[in-house]
Amino acid sequence: MEVVHPENCTRDRFSFAMGNSSQRHDPPVLGTTVARLVNGWDADKQLKAEGWTRFVCFSDTHGRHARISPEHIPEADVLLHAGDFSDRGELEQVRSFAQWLKDYPAKEKVVIAGNHDLSFHEAYCLAKMKKTSMCAEAKAALAGSCIYLEDELVEVLGYKIYGSPWQPEFCDWAFNLPRGEALAKVWAKIPDTVDILMTHGPAQGILDHCNSGLHAGCEDLLTAIKQREIPVHVSGHIHEGYGCTEVGKTLFINASTCTFSYRPTNAPIVFDLPPPELLRGQSLAEPETRGLVEGYIEKPHA
């Protein structure tokens, strides 16, 4: 399993890992997944195929969204944010994040919460703070800036996107559940047909390696993804796991924007997908899809 991990890389190293865009405009081609990766630091210079849709992925911005470099704000059709958009669910940060989303150059924005977004988890607030009033305020502040998902499915530009904030117990934060049956029940809610799965935590053994040596991902989540052959999985949570890799027919993305030291310097991870009917109805190995992909590589369209 080769992991593309551009954190703290020079542009030369990043181009080597993701495809040298200084020589051509097409993104690198993965071996078994239909998604096409795009260099996040100059995505605006890279054209997409006619009929395809561009997604830009962020996660773990931790209230530092205003400090993201302008070159890391590429235009896209859909923005995906995999949680931890605040430090501790502070209302002021949520309001600022909502405005950032409104200003972002993307037609659609889809967001889930993470373990740091305390004010979005009512049960946690009730147990720890003995009140839930801040939860309604926080969700109201985010309303109108994005589609917020919490164990829900939405169709965006024809793509089926499912989002869930849960992860295995990780210190004493929000949206934590014990490994095993509790999390398996959460992942059982994922529909059979999903084009993009967003979860705050990564799958077991994939972009989940902590500096401590712990693999913090969820084994039952990985099982659920494999059972459904989901084309793209977007997560965050483990800042050190930033990057992307393909396993089987799935492109796995850890889109953590902040580094381990909480600097918002990781470039967003950008990918293009073919039209939904092609994504669901064809495999990359089939001639019709292979021809489309090959045409995309050789002759990208505006």
C-alpha atoms as a PDB file:
ATOM      1  CA  MET A   1       0.000   0.000   0.000  1.00  0.00           C
ATOM      2  CA  GLU A   2       1.679   3.185  -1.200  1.00  0.00           C
ATOM      3  CA  VAL A   3       0.717   6.283   0.755  1.00  0.00           C
ATOM      4  CA  VAL A   4       0.997   9.715  -0.829  1.00  0.00           C
ATOM      5  CA  HIS A   5       2.021  11.882   2.106  1.00  0.00           C
ATOM      6  CA  PRO A   6       2.907  15.420   0.997  1.00  0.00           C
ATOM      7  CA  GLU A   7       3.085  16.977   4.482  1.00  0.00           C
ATOM      8  CA  ASN A   8       6.027  19.350   4.806  1.00  0.00           C
ATOM      9  CA  CYS A   9       7.276  18.357   1.353  1.00  0.00           C
ATOM     10  CA  THR A  10       8.839  20.715  -1.120  1.00  0.00           C
ATOM     11  CA  ARG A  11       6.919  21.265  -4.338  1.00  0.00           C
ATOM     12  CA  ASP A  12       9.368  19.003  -6.163  1.00  0.00           C
ATOM     13  CA  ARG A  13       8.681  16.152  -3.730  1.00  0.00           C
ATOM     14  CA  PHE A  14       4.962  16.811  -3.874  1.00  0.00           C
ATOM     15  CA  SER A  15       4.995  16.739  -7.661  1.00  0.00           C
ATOM     16  CA  PHE A  16       6.979  13.507  -7.579  1.00  0.00           C
ATOM     17  CA  ALA A  17       4.402  11.927  -5.301  1.00  0.00           C
ATOM     18  CA  MET A  18       1.255  13.253  -6.936  1.00  0.00           C
ATOM     19  CA  GLY A  19       2.302  13.798 -10.557  1.00  0.00           C
ATOM     20  CA  ASN A  20       4.414  16.648 -11.967  1.00  0.00           C
ATOM     21  CA  SER A  21       1.869  19.298 -12.958  1.00  0.00           C
ATOM     22  CA  SER A  22       4.606  21.611 -14.229  1.00  0.00           C
ATOM     23  CA  GLN A  23       4.929  19.281 -17.222  1.00  0.00           C
ATOM     24  CA  ARG A  24       1.266  18.420 -17.836  1.00  0.00           C
ATOM     25  CA  HIS A  25      -2.173  19.366 -16.619  1.00  0.00           C
ATOM     26  CA  ASP A  26      -3.616  15.938 -15.980  1.00  0.00           C
ATOM     27  CA  PRO A  27      -3.723  14.530 -12.434  1.00  0.00           C
ATOM     28  CA  PRO A  28      -2.017  11.235 -11.612  1.00  0.00           C
ATOM     29  CA  VAL A  29      -3.881   8.054 -12.410  1.00  0.00           C
ATOM     30  CA  LEU A  30      -4.507   5.561  -9.673  1.00  0.00           C
ATOM     31  CA  GLY A  31      -4.336   1.869 -10.377  1.00  0.00           C
ATOM     32  CA  THR A  32      -7.700   0.479  -9.296  1.00  0.00           C
ATOM     33  CA  THR A  33      -9.948   3.392  -8.304  1.00  0.00           C
ATOM     34  CA  VAL A  34     -11.930   5.625 -10.634  1.00  0.00           C
ATOM     35  CA  ALA A  35     -11.096   8.852  -8.760  1.00  0.00           C
ATOM     36  CA  ARG A  36      -8.453  11.131 -10.273  1.00  0.00           C
ATOM     37  CA  LEU A  37      -6.123  12.938  -7.876  1.00  0.00           C
ATOM     38  CA  VAL A  38      -5.260  16.597  -8.431  1.00  0.00           C
ATOM     39  CA  ASN A  39      -2.339  18.507  -6.909  1.00  0.00           C
ATOM     40  CA  GLY A  40      -3.923  20.521  -4.107  1.00  0.00           C
ATOM     41  CA  TRP A  41      -1.457  23.404  -4.233  1.00  0.00           C
ATOM     42  CA  ASP A  42      -2.158  24.303  -7.878  1.00  0.00           C
ATOM     43  CA  ALA A  43      -5.494  22.653  -8.571  1.00  0.00           C
ATOM     44  CA  ASP A  44      -6.810  25.761 -10.330  1.00  0.00           C
ATOM     45  CA  LYS A  45      -4.236  25.212 -13.096  1.00  0.00           C
ATOM     46  CA  GLN A  46      -5.318  21.613 -13.697  1.00  0.00           C
ATOM     47  CA  LEU A  47      -8.275  21.026 -15.962  1.00  0.00           C
ATOM     48  CA  LYS A  48     -10.928  18.404 -15.349  1.00  0.00           C
ATOM     49  CA  ALA A  49     -12.663  16.167 -17.864  1.00  0.00           C
ATOM     50  CA  GLU A  50     -15.957  17.268 -19.337  1.00  0.00           C
ATOM     51  CA  GLY A  51     -18.810  15.961 -17.189  1.00  0.00           C
ATOM     52  CA  TRP A  52     -16.568  15.153 -14.214  1.00  0.00           C
ATOM     53  CA  THR A  53     -16.918  16.791 -10.801  1.00  0.00           C
ATOM     54  CA  ARG A  54     -14.125  18.241  -8.658  1.00  0.00           C
ATOM     55  CA  PHE A  55     -14.040  17.741  -4.883  1.00  0.00           C
ATOM     56  CA  VAL A  56     -11.740  19.564  -2.445  1.00  0.00           C
ATOM     57  CA  CYS A  57     -11.178  17.969   0.968  1.00  0.00           C
ATOM     58  CA  PHE A  58     -10.327  19.612   4.285  1.00  0.00           C
ATOM     59  CA  SER A  59     -10.414  18.322   7.839  1.00  0.00           C
ATOM     60  CA  ASP A  60      -9.124  19.270  11.275  1.00  0.00           C
ATOM     61  CA  THR A  61      -8.839  22.996  10.665  1.00  0.00           C
ATOM     62  CA  HIS A  62      -9.392  23.568  14.414  1.00  0.00           C
ATOM     63  CA  GLY A  63     -10.576  27.162  14.125  1.00  0.00           C
ATOM     64  CA  ARG A  64      -7.550  28.075  12.003  1.00  0.00           C
ATOM     65  CA  HIS A  65      -9.388  28.230   8.666  1.00  0.00           C
ATOM     66  CA  ALA A  66      -8.589  31.941   8.223  1.00  0.00           C
ATOM     67  CA  ARG A  67      -4.880  31.095   8.338  1.00  0.00           C
ATOM     68  CA  ILE A  68      -4.998  28.667   5.417  1.00  0.00           C
ATOM     69  CA  SER A  69      -2.751  29.890   2.609  1.00  0.00           C
ATOM     70  CA  PRO A  70      -4.562  31.409  -0.416  1.00  0.00           C
ATOM     71  CA  GLU A  71      -2.819  28.851  -2.642  1.00  0.00           C
ATOM     72  CA  HIS A  72      -4.602  26.149  -0.626  1.00  0.00           C
ATOM     73  CA  ILE A  73      -8.057  27.510  -1.510  1.00  0.00           C
ATOM     74  CA  PRO A  74      -8.649  25.958  -4.959  1.00  0.00           C
ATOM     75  CA  GLU A  75     -11.964  26.343  -6.717  1.00  0.00           C
ATOM     76  CA  ALA A  76     -14.084  23.180  -6.757  1.00  0.00           C
ATOM     77  CA  ASP A  77     -17.589  21.927  -7.387  1.00  0.00           C
ATOM     78  CA  VAL A  78     -17.932  20.422  -3.905  1.00  0.00           C
ATOM     79  CA  LEU A  79     -16.061  21.111  -0.658  1.00  0.00           C
ATOM     80  CA  LEU A  80     -15.889  18.265   1.870  1.00  0.00           C
ATOM     81  CA  HIS A  81     -14.850  18.900   5.484  1.00  0.00           C
ATOM     82  CA  ALA A  82     -14.381  15.814   7.682  1.00  0.00           C
ATOM     83  CA  GLY A  83     -14.733  17.445  11.108  1.00  0.00           C
ATOM     84  CA  ASP A  84     -12.808  19.211  13.874  1.00  0.00           C
ATOM     85  CA  PHE A  85     -13.531  22.619  12.378  1.00  0.00           C
ATOM     86  CA  SER A  86     -13.214  24.053  15.908  1.00  0.00           C
ATOM     87  CA  ASP A  87     -10.966  23.595  18.944  1.00  0.00           C
ATOM     88  CA  ARG A  88     -13.718  22.826  21.444  1.00  0.00           C
ATOM     89  CA  GLY A  89     -16.943  23.758  19.666  1.00  0.00           C
ATOM     90  CA  GLU A  90     -16.652  27.457  20.520  1.00  0.00           C
ATOM     91  CA  LEU A  91     -19.578  29.425  19.080  1.00  0.00           C
ATOM     92  CA  GLU A  92     -17.319  32.201  17.812  1.00  0.00           C
ATOM     93  CA  GLN A  93     -15.214  29.693  15.873  1.00  0.00           C
ATOM     94  CA  VAL A  94     -18.312  28.021  14.439  1.00  0.00           C
ATOM     95  CA  ARG A  95     -19.631  31.379  13.213  1.00  0.00           C
ATOM     96  CA  SER A  96     -16.274  32.245  11.672  1.00  0.00           C
ATOM     97  CA  PHE A  97     -16.081  28.824  10.014  1.00  0.00           C
ATOM     98  CA  ALA A  98     -19.597  29.277   8.605  1.00  0.00           C
ATOM     99  CA  GLN A  99     -18.566  32.555   6.994  1.00  0.00           C
ATOM    100  CA  TRP A 100     -15.421  30.924   5.603  1.00  0.00           C
ATOM    101  CA  LEU A 101     -17.602  28.239   4.028  1.00  0.00           C
ATOM    102  CA  LYS A 102     -19.925  30.839   2.513  1.00  0.00           C
ATOM    103  CA  ASP A 103     -16.957  32.630   0.971  1.00  0.00           C
ATOM    104  CA  TYR A 104     -15.270  29.471  -0.320  1.00  0.00           C
ATOM    105  CA  PRO A 105     -15.278  29.113  -4.150  1.00  0.00           C
ATOM    106  CA  ALA A 106     -17.309  25.897  -4.343  1.00  0.00           C
ATOM    107  CA  LYS A 107     -20.904  25.344  -5.412  1.00  0.00           C
ATOM    108  CA  GLU A 108     -21.701  22.931  -2.593  1.00  0.00           C
ATOM    109  CA  LYS A 109     -20.224  22.342   0.867  1.00  0.00           C
ATOM    110  CA  VAL A 110     -20.716  19.186   2.954  1.00  0.00           C
ATOM    111  CA  VAL A 111     -19.514  19.067   6.571  1.00  0.00           C
ATOM    112  CA  ILE A 112     -19.455  16.587   9.446  1.00  0.00           C
ATOM    113  CA  ALA A 113     -18.388  17.159  13.049  1.00  0.00           C
ATOM    114  CA  GLY A 114     -15.400  15.644  14.816  1.00  0.00           C
ATOM    115  CA  ASN A 115     -14.415  14.850  18.379  1.00  0.00           C
ATOM    116  CA  HIS A 116     -13.300  18.457  19.037  1.00  0.00           C
ATOM    117  CA  ASP A 117     -16.639  19.910  17.954  1.00  0.00           C
ATOM    118  CA  LEU A 118     -18.123  19.445  21.421  1.00  0.00           C
ATOM    119  CA  SER A 119     -21.122  21.712  20.935  1.00  0.00           C
ATOM    120  CA  PHE A 120     -22.463  19.470  18.167  1.00  0.00           C
ATOM    121  CA  HIS A 121     -22.786  16.411  20.428  1.00  0.00           C
ATOM    122  CA  GLU A 122     -25.773  16.900  22.713  1.00  0.00           C
ATOM    123  CA  ALA A 123     -25.216  13.775  24.804  1.00  0.00           C
ATOM    124  CA  TYR A 124     -21.630  14.825  25.519  1.00  0.00           C
ATOM    125  CA  CYS A 125     -22.670  18.363  26.504  1.00  0.00           C
ATOM    126  CA  LEU A 126     -25.394  17.045  28.759  1.00  0.00           C
ATOM    127  CA  ALA A 127     -23.055  14.584  30.472  1.00  0.00           C
ATOM    128  CA  LYS A 128     -20.064  16.912  30.843  1.00  0.00           C
ATOM    129  CA  MET A 129     -21.619  20.374  31.119  1.00  0.00           C
ATOM    130  CA  LYS A 130     -25.121  19.535  32.313  1.00  0.00           C
ATOM    131  CA  LYS A 131     -26.710  21.616  29.559  1.00  0.00           C
ATOM    132  CA  THR A 132     -27.306  21.486  25.798  1.00  0.00           C
ATOM    133  CA  SER A 133     -28.279  25.063  24.951  1.00  0.00           C
ATOM    134  CA  MET A 134     -24.963  25.646  23.180  1.00  0.00           C
ATOM    135  CA  CYS A 135     -25.703  22.771  20.795  1.00  0.00           C
ATOM    136  CA  ALA A 136     -28.728  24.457  19.257  1.00  0.00           C
ATOM    137  CA  GLU A 137     -26.781  27.722  18.959  1.00  0.00           C
ATOM    138  CA  ALA A 138     -23.821  26.046  17.280  1.00  0.00           C
ATOM    139  CA  LYS A 139     -25.916  24.157  14.739  1.00  0.00           C
ATOM    140  CA  ALA A 140     -27.918  27.308  14.007  1.00  0.00           C
ATOM    141  CA  ALA A 141     -24.661  29.204  13.400  1.00  0.00           C
ATOM    142  CA  LEU A 142     -23.573  26.628  10.820  1.00  0.00           C
ATOM    143  CA  ALA A 143     -26.959  26.481   9.093  1.00  0.00           C
ATOM    144  CA  GLY A 144     -27.085  28.120   5.692  1.00  0.00           C
ATOM    145  CA  SER A 145     -23.364  27.741   5.038  1.00  0.00           C
ATOM    146  CA  CYS A 146     -23.255  24.024   4.228  1.00  0.00           C
ATOM    147  CA  ILE A 147     -24.993  20.671   4.358  1.00  0.00           C
ATOM    148  CA  TYR A 148     -24.283  19.267   7.814  1.00  0.00           C
ATOM    149  CA  LEU A 149     -24.454  15.473   8.088  1.00  0.00           C
ATOM    150  CA  GLU A 150     -24.715  13.375  11.230  1.00  0.00           C
ATOM    151  CA  ASP A 151     -25.294   9.738  10.284  1.00  0.00           C
ATOM    152  CA  GLU A 152     -27.148  10.915   7.205  1.00  0.00           C
ATOM    153  CA  LEU A 153     -27.147  10.505   3.435  1.00  0.00           C
ATOM    154  CA  VAL A 154     -27.454  13.380   0.991  1.00  0.00           C
ATOM    155  CA  GLU A 155     -27.342  13.578  -2.787  1.00  0.00           C
ATOM    156  CA  VAL A 156     -25.137  16.394  -4.071  1.00  0.00           C
ATOM    157  CA  LEU A 157     -24.817  17.021  -7.818  1.00  0.00           C
ATOM    158  CA  GLY A 158     -26.022  13.451  -8.273  1.00  0.00           C
ATOM    159  CA  TYR A 159     -23.452  11.848  -5.903  1.00  0.00           C
ATOM    160  CA  LYS A 160     -24.568   9.974  -2.803  1.00  0.00           C
ATOM    161  CA  ILE A 161     -22.581  11.255   0.194  1.00  0.00           C
ATOM    162  CA  TYR A 162     -22.928   9.774   3.662  1.00  0.00           C
ATOM    163  CA  GLY A 163     -21.425  11.451   6.717  1.00  0.00           C
ATOM    164  CA  SER A 164     -20.820  10.311  10.288  1.00  0.00           C
ATOM    165  CA  PRO A 165     -18.812  11.959  13.121  1.00  0.00           C
ATOM    166  CA  TRP A 166     -18.016   8.861  15.206  1.00  0.00           C
ATOM    167  CA  GLN A 167     -14.678   7.261  16.015  1.00  0.00           C
ATOM    168  CA  PRO A 168     -13.264   4.758  18.538  1.00  0.00           C
ATOM    169  CA  GLU A 169     -12.761   6.138  22.052  1.00  0.00           C
ATOM    170  CA  PHE A 170      -9.874   8.598  21.886  1.00  0.00           C
ATOM    171  CA  CYS A 171      -9.261  10.468  25.156  1.00  0.00           C
ATOM    172  CA  ASP A 172     -12.389  12.130  26.567  1.00  0.00           C
ATOM    173  CA  TRP A 173     -13.926  13.912  23.589  1.00  0.00           C
ATOM    174  CA  ALA A 174     -17.205  14.078  21.697  1.00  0.00           C
ATOM    175  CA  PHE A 175     -18.564  11.419  19.328  1.00  0.00           C
ATOM    176  CA  ASN A 176     -16.512   8.638  20.923  1.00  0.00           C
ATOM    177  CA  LEU A 177     -17.761   5.056  21.126  1.00  0.00           C
ATOM    178  CA  PRO A 178     -16.116   1.854  22.377  1.00  0.00           C
ATOM    179  CA  ARG A 179     -14.721  -0.458  19.747  1.00  0.00           C
ATOM    180  CA  GLY A 180     -16.782  -3.443  18.764  1.00  0.00           C
ATOM    181  CA  GLU A 181     -20.562  -3.695  18.832  1.00  0.00           C
ATOM    182  CA  ALA A 182     -21.313   0.001  19.458  1.00  0.00           C
ATOM    183  CA  LEU A 183     -19.340   1.204  16.451  1.00  0.00           C
ATOM    184  CA  ALA A 184     -20.437  -1.720  14.281  1.00  0.00           C
ATOM    185  CA  LYS A 185     -24.048  -0.604  14.814  1.00  0.00           C
ATOM    186  CA  VAL A 186     -23.147   2.925  13.687  1.00  0.00           C
ATOM    187  CA  TRP A 187     -21.485   1.687  10.496  1.00  0.00           C
ATOM    188  CA  ALA A 188     -24.405  -0.659   9.808  1.00  0.00           C
ATOM    189  CA  LYS A 189     -26.445   2.497   9.098  1.00  0.00           C
ATOM    190  CA  ILE A 190     -24.328   3.260   6.030  1.00  0.00           C
ATOM    191  CA  PRO A 191     -26.472   2.580   2.942  1.00  0.00           C
ATOM    192  CA  ASP A 192     -25.439  -0.098   0.469  1.00  0.00           C
ATOM    193  CA  THR A 193     -24.884   2.472  -2.280  1.00  0.00           C
ATOM    194  CA  VAL A 194     -22.592   5.351  -1.332  1.00  0.00           C
ATOM    195  CA  ASP A 195     -20.266   7.235  -3.651  1.00  0.00           C
ATOM    196  CA  ILE A 196     -18.374   9.174  -0.964  1.00  0.00           C
ATOM    197  CA  LEU A 197     -18.206   8.251   2.704  1.00  0.00           C
ATOM    198  CA  MET A 198     -17.169  10.930   5.187  1.00  0.00           C
ATOM    199  CA  THR A 199     -16.195   9.905   8.718  1.00  0.00           C
ATOM    200  CA  HIS A 200     -14.111  11.868  11.164  1.00  0.00           C
ATOM    201  CA  GLY A 201     -11.934   8.914  12.104  1.00  0.00           C
ATOM    202  CA  PRO A 202      -9.988   6.773   9.613  1.00  0.00           C
ATOM    203  CA  ALA A 203     -10.311   3.068   8.971  1.00  0.00           C
ATOM    204  CA  GLN A 204      -8.047   0.626  10.798  1.00  0.00           C
ATOM    205  CA  GLY A 205      -4.528   0.500   9.411  1.00  0.00           C
ATOM    206  CA  ILE A 206      -5.109   3.131   6.724  1.00  0.00           C
ATOM    207  CA  LEU A 207      -3.799   6.672   7.291  1.00  0.00           C
ATOM    208  CA  ASP A 208      -4.352   6.170  11.029  1.00  0.00           C
ATOM    209  CA  HIS A 209      -0.806   5.878  12.429  1.00  0.00           C
ATOM    210  CA  CYS A 210      -0.147   8.141  15.436  1.00  0.00           C
ATOM    211  CA  ASN A 211       3.288   9.373  16.448  1.00  0.00           C
ATOM    212  CA  SER A 212       2.884   7.251  19.569  1.00  0.00           C
ATOM    213  CA  GLY A 213       2.843   4.148  17.384  1.00  0.00           C
ATOM    214  CA  LEU A 214      -0.890   3.563  17.875  1.00  0.00           C
ATOM    215  CA  HIS A 215      -3.107   2.724  14.911  1.00  0.00           C
ATOM    216  CA  ALA A 216      -6.222   4.642  15.916  1.00  0.00           C
ATOM    217  CA  GLY A 217      -8.526   3.650  13.046  1.00  0.00           C
ATOM    218  CA  CYS A 218     -11.661   1.529  13.309  1.00  0.00           C
ATOM    219  CA  GLU A 219     -11.606  -2.096  12.145  1.00  0.00           C
ATOM    220  CA  ASP A 220     -15.405  -2.284  11.824  1.00  0.00           C
ATOM    221  CA  LEU A 221     -15.387   0.832   9.634  1.00  0.00           C
ATOM    222  CA  LEU A 222     -12.890  -0.806   7.297  1.00  0.00           C
ATOM    223  CA  THR A 223     -15.135  -3.870   7.084  1.00  0.00           C
ATOM    224  CA  ALA A 224     -18.151  -1.711   6.246  1.00  0.00           C
ATOM    225  CA  ILE A 225     -16.245   0.097   3.474  1.00  0.00           C
ATOM    226  CA  LYS A 226     -15.030  -3.157   1.929  1.00  0.00           C
ATOM    227  CA  GLN A 227     -18.509  -4.692   2.042  1.00  0.00           C
ATOM    228  CA  ARG A 228     -19.960  -1.765   0.091  1.00  0.00           C
ATOM    229  CA  GLU A 229     -16.975  -1.123  -2.226  1.00  0.00           C
ATOM    230  CA  ILE A 230     -17.277   2.612  -1.578  1.00  0.00           C
ATOM    231  CA  PRO A 231     -15.292   4.577  -4.210  1.00  0.00           C
ATOM    232  CA  VAL A 232     -13.995   7.326  -1.889  1.00  0.00           C
ATOM    233  CA  HIS A 233     -13.561   7.555   1.890  1.00  0.00           C
ATOM    234  CA  VAL A 234     -12.675  10.952   3.393  1.00  0.00           C
ATOM    235  CA  SER A 235     -11.550  11.274   7.017  1.00  0.00           C
ATOM    236  CA  GLY A 236      -9.194  13.234   9.254  1.00  0.00           C
ATOM    237  CA  HIS A 237      -8.724  13.030  13.048  1.00  0.00           C
ATOM    238  CA  ILE A 238      -5.160  11.704  13.027  1.00  0.00           C
ATOM    239  CA  HIS A 239      -3.103  14.653  11.820  1.00  0.00           C
ATOM    240  CA  GLU A 240      -0.001  12.508  11.329  1.00  0.00           C
ATOM    241  CA  GLY A 241      -1.973  10.303   8.930  1.00  0.00           C
ATOM    242  CA  TYR A 242      -2.482  13.091   6.370  1.00  0.00           C
ATOM    243  CA  GLY A 243      -2.325  11.817   2.807  1.00  0.00           C
ATOM    244  CA  CYS A 244      -4.155   9.416   0.520  1.00  0.00           C
ATOM    245  CA  THR A 245      -3.851   5.875  -0.709  1.00  0.00           C
ATOM    246  CA  GLU A 246      -5.881   3.330  -2.615  1.00  0.00           C
ATOM    247  CA  VAL A 247      -6.877  -0.037  -1.215  1.00  0.00           C
ATOM    248  CA  GLY A 248      -8.841  -2.232  -3.564  1.00  0.00           C
ATOM    249  CA  LYS A 249     -11.466  -0.093  -5.317  1.00  0.00           C
ATOM    250  CA  THR A 250     -11.459   2.644  -2.661  1.00  0.00           C
ATOM    251  CA  LEU A 251      -9.493   5.878  -2.560  1.00  0.00           C
ATOM    252  CA  PHE A 252      -8.800   6.595   1.122  1.00  0.00           C
ATOM    253  CA  ILE A 253      -8.118  10.214   2.097  1.00  0.00           C
ATOM    254  CA  ASN A 254      -6.955  11.684   5.392  1.00  0.00           C
ATOM    255  CA  ALA A 255      -7.503  15.387   4.724  1.00  0.00           C
ATOM    256  CA  SER A 256      -6.157  16.796   8.012  1.00  0.00           C
ATOM    257  CA  THR A 257      -5.319  20.435   7.328  1.00  0.00           C
ATOM    258  CA  CYS A 258      -3.448  20.953  10.589  1.00  0.00           C
ATOM    259  CA  THR A 259      -0.162  19.231  11.207  1.00  0.00           C
ATOM    260  CA  PHE A 260       0.655  17.394  14.430  1.00  0.00           C
ATOM    261  CA  SER A 261       1.712  20.779  15.861  1.00  0.00           C
ATOM    262  CA  TYR A 262      -1.629  22.318  14.796  1.00  0.00           C
ATOM    263  CA  ARG A 263      -0.261  24.434  11.952  1.00  0.00           C
ATOM    264  CA  PRO A 264      -2.855  24.676   9.117  1.00  0.00           C
ATOM    265  CA  THR A 265      -0.295  24.130   6.379  1.00  0.00           C
ATOM    266  CA  ASN A 266      -1.272  20.822   4.772  1.00  0.00           C
ATOM    267  CA  ALA A 267      -2.640  21.349   1.258  1.00  0.00           C
ATOM    268  CA  PRO A 268      -6.225  20.232   0.661  1.00  0.00           C
ATOM    269  CA  ILE A 269      -6.599  16.911  -1.114  1.00  0.00           C
ATOM    270  CA  VAL A 270      -8.408  17.338  -4.403  1.00  0.00           C
ATOM    271  CA  PHE A 271      -9.916  14.678  -6.640  1.00  0.00           C
ATOM    272  CA  ASP A 272     -12.220  14.426  -9.651  1.00  0.00           C
ATOM    273  CA  LEU A 273     -14.970  11.857 -10.139  1.00  0.00           C
ATOM    274  CA  PRO A 274     -16.722  10.767 -13.327  1.00  0.00           C
ATOM    275  CA  PRO A 275     -20.487  11.275 -13.657  1.00  0.00           C
ATOM    276  CA  PRO A 276     -22.441   9.352 -10.973  1.00  0.00           C
ATOM    277  CA  GLU A 277     -24.028   6.901 -13.401  1.00  0.00           C
ATOM    278  CA  LEU A 278     -20.608   5.962 -14.741  1.00  0.00           C
ATOM    279  CA  LEU A 279     -19.096   5.804 -11.264  1.00  0.00           C
ATOM    280  CA  ARG A 280     -21.753   3.324 -10.089  1.00  0.00           C
ATOM    281  CA  GLY A 281     -22.395   1.416 -13.287  1.00  0.00           C
ATOM    282  CA  GLN A 282     -18.934   0.681 -14.556  1.00  0.00           C
ATOM    283  CA  SER A 283     -15.659  -0.620 -13.167  1.00  0.00           C
ATOM    284  CA  LEU A 284     -12.361   0.969 -14.113  1.00  0.00           C
ATOM    285  CA  ALA A 285     -11.332  -2.214 -15.886  1.00  0.00           C
ATOM    286  CA  GLU A 286     -14.285  -2.182 -18.293  1.00  0.00           C
ATOM    287  CA  PRO A 287     -13.527  -0.822 -21.775  1.00  0.00           C
ATOM    288  CA  GLU A 288     -16.040   2.034 -21.697  1.00  0.00           C
ATOM    289  CA  THR A 289     -14.688   3.399 -18.432  1.00  0.00           C
ATOM    290  CA  ARG A 290     -11.071   2.792 -19.380  1.00  0.00           C
ATOM    291  CA  GLY A 291     -11.623   4.713 -22.623  1.00  0.00           C
ATOM    292  CA  LEU A 292     -13.119   7.639 -20.741  1.00  0.00           C
ATOM    293  CA  VAL A 293     -10.239   7.697 -18.284  1.00  0.00           C
ATOM    294  CA  GLU A 294      -7.639   7.446 -21.032  1.00  0.00           C
ATOM    295  CA  GLY A 295      -9.344  10.273 -22.896  1.00  0.00           C
ATOM    296  CA  TYR A 296      -9.305  12.308 -19.719  1.00  0.00           C
ATOM    297  CA  ILE A 297      -5.581  11.835 -19.290  1.00  0.00           C
ATOM    298  CA  GLU A 298      -4.725  12.760 -22.853  1.00  0.00           C
ATOM    299  CA  LYS A 299      -7.315  15.450 -23.551  1.00  0.00           C
ATOM    300  CA  PRO A 300      -8.622  17.224 -20.448  1.00  0.00           C
ATOM    301  CA  HIS A 301     -11.459  19.687 -20.985  1.00  0.00           C
ATOM    302  CA  ALA A 302     -12.263  22.955 -19.261  1.00  0.00           C
END
